[in-house]
Amino acid sequence: MWTGVFAAITLAAHVKYAHDQWTTWSNYLRALMLLGCFGQLAGVCAFVVYLTLAISQHQGSSYHPLTARD
């Protein structure tokens, strides 16, 4: 869902720039940049949490403590 929101904002910014209406819309640039940075940060945090949970629960690995041989 959030990917679509960020894509729509990026599309709107590009359309404004292409139609040379960016000068009246340039005040929003800082807010858009901060929103993009927070979106990327949230995505990286979610990926780290996903990996941490998968590793801690031994998901996706062939290791199983009951069938492991020394």
C-alpha atoms as a PDB file:
ATOM      1  CA  MET A   1       0.000   0.000   0.000  1.00  0.00           C
ATOM      2  CA  TRP A   2       2.690   2.513   0.967  1.00  0.00           C
ATOM      3  CA  THR A   3       4.613   1.842  -2.214  1.00  0.00           C
ATOM      4  CA  GLY A   4       1.638   3.088  -4.211  1.00  0.00           C
ATOM      5  CA  VAL A   5       1.437   6.244  -2.115  1.00  0.00           C
ATOM      6  CA  PHE A   6       5.116   7.032  -2.649  1.00  0.00           C
ATOM      7  CA  ALA A   7       4.800   6.272  -6.367  1.00  0.00           C
ATOM      8  CA  ALA A   8       1.802   8.601  -6.669  1.00  0.00           C
ATOM      9  CA  ILE A   9       3.663  11.419  -4.926  1.00  0.00           C
ATOM     10  CA  THR A  10       6.675  10.908  -7.188  1.00  0.00           C
ATOM     11  CA  LEU A  11       4.445  10.897 -10.272  1.00  0.00           C
ATOM     12  CA  ALA A  12       2.749  14.116  -9.170  1.00  0.00           C
ATOM     13  CA  ALA A  13       6.121  15.783  -8.620  1.00  0.00           C
ATOM     14  CA  HIS A  14       7.349  14.718 -12.061  1.00  0.00           C
ATOM     15  CA  VAL A  15       4.169  15.926 -13.770  1.00  0.00           C
ATOM     16  CA  LYS A  16       4.426  19.305 -12.039  1.00  0.00           C
ATOM     17  CA  TYR A  17       8.064  19.569 -13.122  1.00  0.00           C
ATOM     18  CA  ALA A  18       7.301  18.521 -16.715  1.00  0.00           C
ATOM     19  CA  HIS A  19       4.523  21.118 -17.033  1.00  0.00           C
ATOM     20  CA  ASP A  20       6.805  23.762 -15.564  1.00  0.00           C
ATOM     21  CA  GLN A  21       4.500  24.290 -12.602  1.00  0.00           C
ATOM     22  CA  TRP A  22       7.165  23.257 -10.126  1.00  0.00           C
ATOM     23  CA  THR A  23       7.984  26.832  -9.107  1.00  0.00           C
ATOM     24  CA  THR A  24       4.636  27.202  -7.368  1.00  0.00           C
ATOM     25  CA  TRP A  25       4.914  23.732  -5.851  1.00  0.00           C
ATOM     26  CA  SER A  26       8.548  23.868  -4.732  1.00  0.00           C
ATOM     27  CA  ASN A  27       7.611  24.675  -1.129  1.00  0.00           C
ATOM     28  CA  TYR A  28       6.527  21.051  -0.732  1.00  0.00           C
ATOM     29  CA  LEU A  29       9.914  19.686  -1.807  1.00  0.00           C
ATOM     30  CA  ARG A  30      11.356  19.502   1.708  1.00  0.00           C
ATOM     31  CA  ALA A  31       8.273  17.721   3.022  1.00  0.00           C
ATOM     32  CA  LEU A  32       8.338  15.268   0.120  1.00  0.00           C
ATOM     33  CA  MET A  33      12.017  14.545   0.690  1.00  0.00           C
ATOM     34  CA  LEU A  34      11.449  13.934   4.400  1.00  0.00           C
ATOM     35  CA  LEU A  35       8.483  11.705   3.639  1.00  0.00           C
ATOM     36  CA  GLY A  36      10.586   9.684   1.228  1.00  0.00           C
ATOM     37  CA  CYS A  37      13.398   9.345   3.773  1.00  0.00           C
ATOM     38  CA  PHE A  38      11.014   8.163   6.472  1.00  0.00           C
ATOM     39  CA  GLY A  39       9.450   5.717   4.029  1.00  0.00           C
ATOM     40  CA  GLN A  40      12.833   4.248   3.173  1.00  0.00           C
ATOM     41  CA  LEU A  41      13.790   4.067   6.843  1.00  0.00           C
ATOM     42  CA  ALA A  42      10.532   2.283   7.678  1.00  0.00           C
ATOM     43  CA  GLY A  43      11.149  -0.190   4.857  1.00  0.00           C
ATOM     44  CA  VAL A  44      14.663  -0.973   6.063  1.00  0.00           C
ATOM     45  CA  CYS A  45      13.430  -1.403   9.646  1.00  0.00           C
ATOM     46  CA  ALA A  46      10.672  -3.752   8.509  1.00  0.00           C
ATOM     47  CA  PHE A  47      13.173  -5.808   6.509  1.00  0.00           C
ATOM     48  CA  VAL A  48      15.522  -6.098   9.500  1.00  0.00           C
ATOM     49  CA  VAL A  49      12.646  -7.185  11.746  1.00  0.00           C
ATOM     50  CA  TYR A  50      11.551  -9.734   9.130  1.00  0.00           C
ATOM     51  CA  LEU A  51      15.051 -11.204   8.910  1.00  0.00           C
ATOM     52  CA  THR A  52      15.505 -11.199  12.686  1.00  0.00           C
ATOM     53  CA  LEU A  53      12.252 -13.086  13.233  1.00  0.00           C
ATOM     54  CA  ALA A  54      13.041 -15.592  10.496  1.00  0.00           C
ATOM     55  CA  ILE A  55      16.528 -16.279  11.862  1.00  0.00           C
ATOM     56  CA  SER A  56      15.407 -16.531  15.468  1.00  0.00           C
ATOM     57  CA  GLN A  57      12.664 -19.024  14.573  1.00  0.00           C
ATOM     58  CA  HIS A  58      14.950 -21.033  12.222  1.00  0.00           C
ATOM     59  CA  GLN A  59      12.658 -20.493   9.256  1.00  0.00           C
ATOM     60  CA  GLY A  60      13.971 -21.212   5.794  1.00  0.00           C
ATOM     61  CA  SER A  61      16.983 -23.179   6.952  1.00  0.00           C
ATOM     62  CA  SER A  62      17.669 -26.880   6.718  1.00  0.00           C
ATOM     63  CA  TYR A  63      18.900 -26.976  10.312  1.00  0.00           C
ATOM     64  CA  HIS A  64      16.617 -28.776  12.733  1.00  0.00           C
ATOM     65  CA  PRO A  65      17.879 -29.381  16.288  1.00  0.00           C
ATOM     66  CA  LEU A  66      16.173 -32.792  16.638  1.00  0.00           C
ATOM     67  CA  THR A  67      17.650 -34.260  13.458  1.00  0.00           C
ATOM     68  CA  ALA A  68      21.084 -32.648  13.559  1.00  0.00           C
ATOM     69  CA  ARG A  69      24.037 -35.035  13.591  1.00  0.00           C
ATOM     70  CA  ASP A  70      27.383 -34.282  15.177  1.00  0.00           C
END
